[in-house]
Amino acid sequence: DGRATLTLVDRARPARLFAHGTLFVILHGLACWLVGRRLPILATSFRQPAPDHAAEYRLIFGESVRFEQPASSLVVDAAHLGLPLVRDAKAAREFLREAPANFLVKYRNQSGPTAMVRGRLCRMQPGEWPDFEVLAAAMHSTPSTLRRHLEQEGYSYQAIKDDLRRDLAVDYLCNSELSIAEITHALGFAEHSAFHRAFRKWTGASPGEYRHGAAKPLRRYASHAVD
């Protein structure tokens, strides 16, 4: 099915939600750093009930996060398991000197370049999102400098756009009466089929399945590891 699932197993007393969430952030952050790029999270499940601050978990893990599931699991694209490591021993020593704060930088640094780019895009319709060169100029930067700053936080411009499209798609499907065709247009997809392929890649379900609460693949992926 092209997905890799990391499942946490509590061998003694079940851990608190905070412990599972923190471990996922650390493991995902470390994996992103090792390969020098952000690895999109396709789905996250927690066995614990949703907390009052569930919105913070969605900010970190995306709208596909689920609570009260059979197991706590994190799902990524299995193709990324074959990416080469780009860090050497010297970089590892520097990285460990800054730990654990550097694991959380892309989630906590709301004034960093990733947050600034996302904020600019949020004020536009997806069809209005500029080319990277135009965006860099608007931010008084050069494309190479902005690209380097984004990479330091584990992101690329395309990854930010993909994440934002995913979040918007989930919001439209769950909180609006827009038809799937209207959502396709609002997200800037030229073809209906392109939106379906992208959404299934993001969540494991079609837009229609997700809207009607039948995103069963997410639950299946949460309980089975992928070779």
C-alpha atoms as a PDB file:
ATOM      1  CA  ASP A   1       0.000   0.000   0.000  1.00  0.00           C
ATOM      2  CA  GLY A   2       3.062   2.261  -0.111  1.00  0.00           C
ATOM      3  CA  ARG A   3       2.877   3.382   3.505  1.00  0.00           C
ATOM      4  CA  ALA A   4       5.152   2.879   6.488  1.00  0.00           C
ATOM      5  CA  THR A   5       3.659   2.898   9.974  1.00  0.00           C
ATOM      6  CA  LEU A   6       5.455   3.416  13.272  1.00  0.00           C
ATOM      7  CA  THR A   7       3.337   1.942  16.082  1.00  0.00           C
ATOM      8  CA  LEU A   8       4.037   2.504  19.784  1.00  0.00           C
ATOM      9  CA  VAL A   9       3.514  -0.456  22.106  1.00  0.00           C
ATOM     10  CA  ASP A  10       3.131   0.166  25.849  1.00  0.00           C
ATOM     11  CA  ARG A  11       4.481  -2.932  27.581  1.00  0.00           C
ATOM     12  CA  ALA A  12       3.484  -1.736  31.021  1.00  0.00           C
ATOM     13  CA  ARG A  13       1.136   1.011  32.133  1.00  0.00           C
ATOM     14  CA  PRO A  14      -0.239   2.976  29.130  1.00  0.00           C
ATOM     15  CA  ALA A  15       1.680   6.199  28.600  1.00  0.00           C
ATOM     16  CA  ARG A  16       0.070   9.618  28.618  1.00  0.00           C
ATOM     17  CA  LEU A  17      -0.867  11.359  25.391  1.00  0.00           C
ATOM     18  CA  PHE A  18       1.886  13.923  25.916  1.00  0.00           C
ATOM     19  CA  ALA A  19       4.516  11.172  26.028  1.00  0.00           C
ATOM     20  CA  HIS A  20       3.347   9.588  22.781  1.00  0.00           C
ATOM     21  CA  GLY A  21       3.030  12.954  21.040  1.00  0.00           C
ATOM     22  CA  THR A  22       6.469  14.091  22.161  1.00  0.00           C
ATOM     23  CA  LEU A  23       8.078  10.847  21.029  1.00  0.00           C
ATOM     24  CA  PHE A  24       6.480  11.162  17.594  1.00  0.00           C
ATOM     25  CA  VAL A  25       7.720  14.750  17.266  1.00  0.00           C
ATOM     26  CA  ILE A  26      11.264  13.719  18.209  1.00  0.00           C
ATOM     27  CA  LEU A  27      11.396  10.666  15.951  1.00  0.00           C
ATOM     28  CA  HIS A  28       9.875  12.502  12.989  1.00  0.00           C
ATOM     29  CA  GLY A  29      12.111  15.529  13.516  1.00  0.00           C
ATOM     30  CA  LEU A  30      15.204  13.329  13.673  1.00  0.00           C
ATOM     31  CA  ALA A  31      14.224  11.453  10.517  1.00  0.00           C
ATOM     32  CA  CYS A  32      13.664  14.737   8.641  1.00  0.00           C
ATOM     33  CA  TRP A  33      17.032  16.046   9.769  1.00  0.00           C
ATOM     34  CA  LEU A  34      18.892  12.883   8.763  1.00  0.00           C
ATOM     35  CA  VAL A  35      17.647  13.025   5.165  1.00  0.00           C
ATOM     36  CA  GLY A  36      17.730  16.826   4.897  1.00  0.00           C
ATOM     37  CA  ARG A  37      14.083  17.281   3.965  1.00  0.00           C
ATOM     38  CA  ARG A  38      10.673  17.258   5.539  1.00  0.00           C
ATOM     39  CA  LEU A  39       8.884  13.907   5.417  1.00  0.00           C
ATOM     40  CA  PRO A  40       5.144  14.556   5.148  1.00  0.00           C
ATOM     41  CA  ILE A  41       3.039  12.885   7.824  1.00  0.00           C
ATOM     42  CA  LEU A  42       0.163  11.057   6.147  1.00  0.00           C
ATOM     43  CA  ALA A  43      -1.755  10.141   9.300  1.00  0.00           C
ATOM     44  CA  THR A  44      -1.334  10.090  13.075  1.00  0.00           C
ATOM     45  CA  SER A  45      -3.363   8.072  15.561  1.00  0.00           C
ATOM     46  CA  PHE A  46      -3.359   8.137  19.360  1.00  0.00           C
ATOM     47  CA  ARG A  47      -4.920   5.544  21.616  1.00  0.00           C
ATOM     48  CA  GLN A  48      -5.686   8.225  24.222  1.00  0.00           C
ATOM     49  CA  PRO A  49      -8.817  10.447  24.202  1.00  0.00           C
ATOM     50  CA  ALA A  50      -8.661  13.863  22.548  1.00  0.00           C
ATOM     51  CA  PRO A  51      -7.434  16.557  24.964  1.00  0.00           C
ATOM     52  CA  ASP A  52      -8.989  19.989  25.384  1.00  0.00           C
ATOM     53  CA  HIS A  53      -6.093  21.385  23.357  1.00  0.00           C
ATOM     54  CA  ALA A  54      -6.531  18.935  20.451  1.00  0.00           C
ATOM     55  CA  ALA A  55      -6.087  21.846  18.027  1.00  0.00           C
ATOM     56  CA  GLU A  56      -2.407  21.975  18.980  1.00  0.00           C
ATOM     57  CA  TYR A  57      -1.979  18.349  17.951  1.00  0.00           C
ATOM     58  CA  ARG A  58      -3.588  19.131  14.604  1.00  0.00           C
ATOM     59  CA  LEU A  59      -1.215  22.061  14.189  1.00  0.00           C
ATOM     60  CA  ILE A  60       1.706  19.689  14.664  1.00  0.00           C
ATOM     61  CA  PHE A  61       0.501  16.510  12.973  1.00  0.00           C
ATOM     62  CA  GLY A  62      -2.086  17.844  10.505  1.00  0.00           C
ATOM     63  CA  GLU A  63      -5.832  17.445  10.307  1.00  0.00           C
ATOM     64  CA  SER A  64      -5.536  13.685   9.825  1.00  0.00           C
ATOM     65  CA  VAL A  65      -4.761  13.130  13.521  1.00  0.00           C
ATOM     66  CA  ARG A  66      -7.183  10.743  15.257  1.00  0.00           C
ATOM     67  CA  PHE A  67      -7.752   9.950  18.942  1.00  0.00           C
ATOM     68  CA  GLU A  68      -9.124   6.910  20.804  1.00  0.00           C
ATOM     69  CA  GLN A  69      -7.683   4.543  18.212  1.00  0.00           C
ATOM     70  CA  PRO A  70      -6.485   0.948  18.786  1.00  0.00           C
ATOM     71  CA  ALA A  71      -2.859   2.100  18.899  1.00  0.00           C
ATOM     72  CA  SER A  72      -0.711   5.218  18.704  1.00  0.00           C
ATOM     73  CA  SER A  73       0.815   5.289  15.225  1.00  0.00           C
ATOM     74  CA  LEU A  74       2.483   7.640  12.773  1.00  0.00           C
ATOM     75  CA  VAL A  75       2.214   7.008   9.013  1.00  0.00           C
ATOM     76  CA  VAL A  76       4.609   8.228   6.308  1.00  0.00           C
ATOM     77  CA  ASP A  77       5.233   7.356   2.674  1.00  0.00           C
ATOM     78  CA  ALA A  78       7.219   4.102   2.543  1.00  0.00           C
ATOM     79  CA  ALA A  79       9.206   5.435  -0.426  1.00  0.00           C
ATOM     80  CA  HIS A  80      10.961   7.850   1.927  1.00  0.00           C
ATOM     81  CA  LEU A  81      12.554   4.963   3.832  1.00  0.00           C
ATOM     82  CA  GLY A  82      15.048   4.616   0.993  1.00  0.00           C
ATOM     83  CA  LEU A  83      16.249   8.227   1.037  1.00  0.00           C
ATOM     84  CA  PRO A  84      20.016   8.609   1.593  1.00  0.00           C
ATOM     85  CA  LEU A  85      21.329  10.101   4.822  1.00  0.00           C
ATOM     86  CA  VAL A  86      22.912  13.511   4.249  1.00  0.00           C
ATOM     87  CA  ARG A  87      24.391  14.196   7.693  1.00  0.00           C
ATOM     88  CA  ASP A  88      27.911  13.310   8.817  1.00  0.00           C
ATOM     89  CA  ALA A  89      29.395  12.765  12.284  1.00  0.00           C
ATOM     90  CA  LYS A  90      30.339  16.432  12.719  1.00  0.00           C
ATOM     91  CA  ALA A  91      26.807  17.568  11.908  1.00  0.00           C
ATOM     92  CA  ALA A  92      25.447  14.961  14.316  1.00  0.00           C
ATOM     93  CA  ARG A  93      27.587  16.291  17.171  1.00  0.00           C
ATOM     94  CA  GLU A  94      26.397  19.847  16.512  1.00  0.00           C
ATOM     95  CA  PHE A  95      22.815  18.662  16.271  1.00  0.00           C
ATOM     96  CA  LEU A  96      22.989  16.813  19.592  1.00  0.00           C
ATOM     97  CA  ARG A  97      24.478  19.858  21.328  1.00  0.00           C
ATOM     98  CA  GLU A  98      21.317  21.784  20.436  1.00  0.00           C
ATOM     99  CA  ALA A  99      18.899  18.976  21.318  1.00  0.00           C
ATOM    100  CA  PRO A 100      16.104  18.729  22.275  1.00  0.00           C
ATOM    101  CA  ALA A 101      15.000  22.222  21.185  1.00  0.00           C
ATOM    102  CA  ASN A 102      15.994  21.668  17.555  1.00  0.00           C
ATOM    103  CA  PHE A 103      13.551  18.764  17.265  1.00  0.00           C
ATOM    104  CA  LEU A 104      10.703  21.192  17.793  1.00  0.00           C
ATOM    105  CA  VAL A 105      11.877  24.200  15.806  1.00  0.00           C
ATOM    106  CA  LYS A 106       9.626  23.738  12.800  1.00  0.00           C
ATOM    107  CA  TYR A 107       6.605  23.456  15.067  1.00  0.00           C
ATOM    108  CA  ARG A 108       7.426  26.106  17.641  1.00  0.00           C
ATOM    109  CA  ASN A 109       9.180  28.833  15.688  1.00  0.00           C
ATOM    110  CA  GLN A 110       6.197  30.913  14.666  1.00  0.00           C
ATOM    111  CA  SER A 111       8.442  33.775  13.511  1.00  0.00           C
ATOM    112  CA  GLY A 112      10.638  31.619  11.282  1.00  0.00           C
ATOM    113  CA  PRO A 113      10.609  31.562   7.483  1.00  0.00           C
ATOM    114  CA  THR A 114       8.280  28.557   7.262  1.00  0.00           C
ATOM    115  CA  ALA A 115       5.641  30.270   9.388  1.00  0.00           C
ATOM    116  CA  MET A 116       6.112  33.516   7.429  1.00  0.00           C
ATOM    117  CA  VAL A 117       5.669  31.780   4.070  1.00  0.00           C
ATOM    118  CA  ARG A 118       2.649  29.860   5.311  1.00  0.00           C
ATOM    119  CA  GLY A 119       1.159  33.078   6.689  1.00  0.00           C
ATOM    120  CA  ARG A 120       1.512  34.819   3.326  1.00  0.00           C
ATOM    121  CA  LEU A 121      -0.100  31.922   1.488  1.00  0.00           C
ATOM    122  CA  CYS A 122      -2.960  31.773   3.983  1.00  0.00           C
ATOM    123  CA  ARG A 123      -3.900  35.325   3.013  1.00  0.00           C
ATOM    124  CA  MET A 124      -4.314  34.278  -0.633  1.00  0.00           C
ATOM    125  CA  GLN A 125      -6.391  31.819  -2.570  1.00  0.00           C
ATOM    126  CA  PRO A 126      -4.364  28.787  -3.741  1.00  0.00           C
ATOM    127  CA  GLY A 127      -4.748  29.907  -7.343  1.00  0.00           C
ATOM    128  CA  GLU A 128      -3.006  33.160  -6.401  1.00  0.00           C
ATOM    129  CA  TRP A 129       0.055  31.585  -4.785  1.00  0.00           C
ATOM    130  CA  PRO A 130       3.146  33.106  -6.420  1.00  0.00           C
ATOM    131  CA  ASP A 131       6.144  31.426  -7.983  1.00  0.00           C
ATOM    132  CA  PHE A 132       8.997  30.929  -5.542  1.00  0.00           C
ATOM    133  CA  GLU A 133      11.092  33.696  -7.095  1.00  0.00           C
ATOM    134  CA  VAL A 134       8.224  36.186  -6.753  1.00  0.00           C
ATOM    135  CA  LEU A 135       7.626  35.112  -3.157  1.00  0.00           C
ATOM    136  CA  ALA A 136      11.295  35.509  -2.256  1.00  0.00           C
ATOM    137  CA  ALA A 137      11.355  39.029  -3.699  1.00  0.00           C
ATOM    138  CA  ALA A 138       8.218  39.950  -1.749  1.00  0.00           C
ATOM    139  CA  MET A 139       9.965  38.761   1.419  1.00  0.00           C
ATOM    140  CA  HIS A 140      13.055  40.859   0.563  1.00  0.00           C
ATOM    141  CA  SER A 141      15.166  37.767   0.047  1.00  0.00           C
ATOM    142  CA  THR A 142      16.786  35.866  -2.791  1.00  0.00           C
ATOM    143  CA  PRO A 143      15.448  32.468  -3.871  1.00  0.00           C
ATOM    144  CA  SER A 144      18.634  30.692  -2.775  1.00  0.00           C
ATOM    145  CA  THR A 145      18.632  32.342   0.664  1.00  0.00           C
ATOM    146  CA  LEU A 146      14.963  31.672   1.323  1.00  0.00           C
ATOM    147  CA  ARG A 147      15.329  28.094   0.096  1.00  0.00           C
ATOM    148  CA  ARG A 148      18.243  27.534   2.469  1.00  0.00           C
ATOM    149  CA  HIS A 149      16.314  28.979   5.422  1.00  0.00           C
ATOM    150  CA  LEU A 150      13.336  26.752   4.697  1.00  0.00           C
ATOM    151  CA  GLU A 151      15.576  23.699   4.405  1.00  0.00           C
ATOM    152  CA  GLN A 152      17.065  24.494   7.813  1.00  0.00           C
ATOM    153  CA  GLU A 153      13.571  24.067   9.234  1.00  0.00           C
ATOM    154  CA  GLY A 154      12.999  20.882   7.256  1.00  0.00           C
ATOM    155  CA  TYR A 155      10.690  22.400   4.654  1.00  0.00           C
ATOM    156  CA  SER A 156      10.511  23.342   0.991  1.00  0.00           C
ATOM    157  CA  TYR A 157       8.102  25.717  -0.730  1.00  0.00           C
ATOM    158  CA  GLN A 158       6.324  22.775  -2.336  1.00  0.00           C
ATOM    159  CA  ALA A 159       5.962  20.997   1.015  1.00  0.00           C
ATOM    160  CA  ILE A 160       4.411  24.105   2.564  1.00  0.00           C
ATOM    161  CA  LYS A 161       1.937  24.393  -0.317  1.00  0.00           C
ATOM    162  CA  ASP A 162       1.078  20.696  -0.117  1.00  0.00           C
ATOM    163  CA  ASP A 163       0.512  20.856   3.638  1.00  0.00           C
ATOM    164  CA  LEU A 164      -1.646  23.948   3.319  1.00  0.00           C
ATOM    165  CA  ARG A 165      -3.716  22.444   0.504  1.00  0.00           C
ATOM    166  CA  ARG A 166      -4.239  19.331   2.609  1.00  0.00           C
ATOM    167  CA  ASP A 167      -5.343  21.356   5.629  1.00  0.00           C
ATOM    168  CA  LEU A 168      -7.685  23.467   3.508  1.00  0.00           C
ATOM    169  CA  ALA A 169      -9.133  20.370   1.855  1.00  0.00           C
ATOM    170  CA  VAL A 170      -9.881  18.743   5.205  1.00  0.00           C
ATOM    171  CA  ASP A 171     -11.427  21.958   6.511  1.00  0.00           C
ATOM    172  CA  TYR A 172     -13.650  22.346   3.449  1.00  0.00           C
ATOM    173  CA  LEU A 173     -14.756  18.713   3.585  1.00  0.00           C
ATOM    174  CA  CYS A 174     -15.530  18.783   7.298  1.00  0.00           C
ATOM    175  CA  ASN A 175     -16.806  22.317   7.824  1.00  0.00           C
ATOM    176  CA  SER A 176     -18.414  23.493   4.585  1.00  0.00           C
ATOM    177  CA  GLU A 177     -21.134  22.477   2.174  1.00  0.00           C
ATOM    178  CA  LEU A 178     -18.963  23.026  -0.888  1.00  0.00           C
ATOM    179  CA  SER A 179     -19.163  20.234  -3.425  1.00  0.00           C
ATOM    180  CA  ILE A 180     -16.028  18.246  -4.143  1.00  0.00           C
ATOM    181  CA  ALA A 181     -15.876  19.902  -7.564  1.00  0.00           C
ATOM    182  CA  GLU A 182     -15.981  23.335  -5.899  1.00  0.00           C
ATOM    183  CA  ILE A 183     -13.278  22.307  -3.437  1.00  0.00           C
ATOM    184  CA  THR A 184     -11.132  21.075  -6.322  1.00  0.00           C
ATOM    185  CA  HIS A 185     -11.389  24.505  -7.948  1.00  0.00           C
ATOM    186  CA  ALA A 186     -10.848  26.387  -4.667  1.00  0.00           C
ATOM    187  CA  LEU A 187      -7.621  24.493  -4.022  1.00  0.00           C
ATOM    188  CA  GLY A 188      -6.245  25.342  -7.444  1.00  0.00           C
ATOM    189  CA  PHE A 189      -6.350  21.860  -8.957  1.00  0.00           C
ATOM    190  CA  ALA A 190      -6.918  21.882 -12.703  1.00  0.00           C
ATOM    191  CA  GLU A 191      -8.349  18.368 -12.780  1.00  0.00           C
ATOM    192  CA  HIS A 192     -10.820  16.600 -10.505  1.00  0.00           C
ATOM    193  CA  SER A 193      -8.712  13.438 -10.726  1.00  0.00           C
ATOM    194  CA  ALA A 194      -5.587  15.310  -9.601  1.00  0.00           C
ATOM    195  CA  PHE A 195      -7.324  16.395  -6.394  1.00  0.00           C
ATOM    196  CA  HIS A 196      -8.529  12.840  -5.745  1.00  0.00           C
ATOM    197  CA  ARG A 197      -5.009  11.429  -6.180  1.00  0.00           C
ATOM    198  CA  ALA A 198      -3.454  14.080  -3.958  1.00  0.00           C
ATOM    199  CA  PHE A 199      -6.063  13.733  -1.223  1.00  0.00           C
ATOM    200  CA  ARG A 200      -5.789   9.946  -1.154  1.00  0.00           C
ATOM    201  CA  LYS A 201      -2.014  10.277  -0.874  1.00  0.00           C
ATOM    202  CA  TRP A 202      -2.410  12.715   2.018  1.00  0.00           C
ATOM    203  CA  THR A 203      -5.026  10.817   4.009  1.00  0.00           C
ATOM    204  CA  GLY A 204      -5.491   7.320   2.583  1.00  0.00           C
ATOM    205  CA  ALA A 205      -9.132   8.085   1.722  1.00  0.00           C
ATOM    206  CA  SER A 206     -10.976   9.704  -1.157  1.00  0.00           C
ATOM    207  CA  PRO A 207     -12.554  13.129  -0.526  1.00  0.00           C
ATOM    208  CA  GLY A 208     -16.011  11.562  -0.485  1.00  0.00           C
ATOM    209  CA  GLU A 209     -15.008   8.861   2.004  1.00  0.00           C
ATOM    210  CA  TYR A 210     -13.369  11.420   4.250  1.00  0.00           C
ATOM    211  CA  ARG A 211     -16.387  13.740   4.194  1.00  0.00           C
ATOM    212  CA  HIS A 212     -18.729  10.933   5.214  1.00  0.00           C
ATOM    213  CA  GLY A 213     -16.489   9.697   7.997  1.00  0.00           C
ATOM    214  CA  ALA A 214     -15.498   6.526   6.195  1.00  0.00           C
ATOM    215  CA  ALA A 215     -11.755   7.069   6.227  1.00  0.00           C
ATOM    216  CA  LYS A 216     -11.222   3.452   7.306  1.00  0.00           C
ATOM    217  CA  PRO A 217      -7.817   3.155   5.643  1.00  0.00           C
ATOM    218  CA  LEU A 218      -6.400   5.497   8.283  1.00  0.00           C
ATOM    219  CA  ARG A 219      -7.490   3.154  11.043  1.00  0.00           C
ATOM    220  CA  ARG A 220      -6.129   0.158   9.166  1.00  0.00           C
ATOM    221  CA  TYR A 221      -2.789   1.848   8.600  1.00  0.00           C
ATOM    222  CA  ALA A 222      -2.667   2.817  12.279  1.00  0.00           C
ATOM    223  CA  SER A 223      -2.658  -0.818  13.390  1.00  0.00           C
ATOM    224  CA  HIS A 224      -0.443  -2.476  10.736  1.00  0.00           C
ATOM    225  CA  ALA A 225       3.198  -1.773   9.928  1.00  0.00           C
ATOM    226  CA  VAL A 226       4.325  -1.723   6.319  1.00  0.00           C
ATOM    227  CA  ASP A 227       7.350  -3.687   5.196  1.00  0.00           C
END
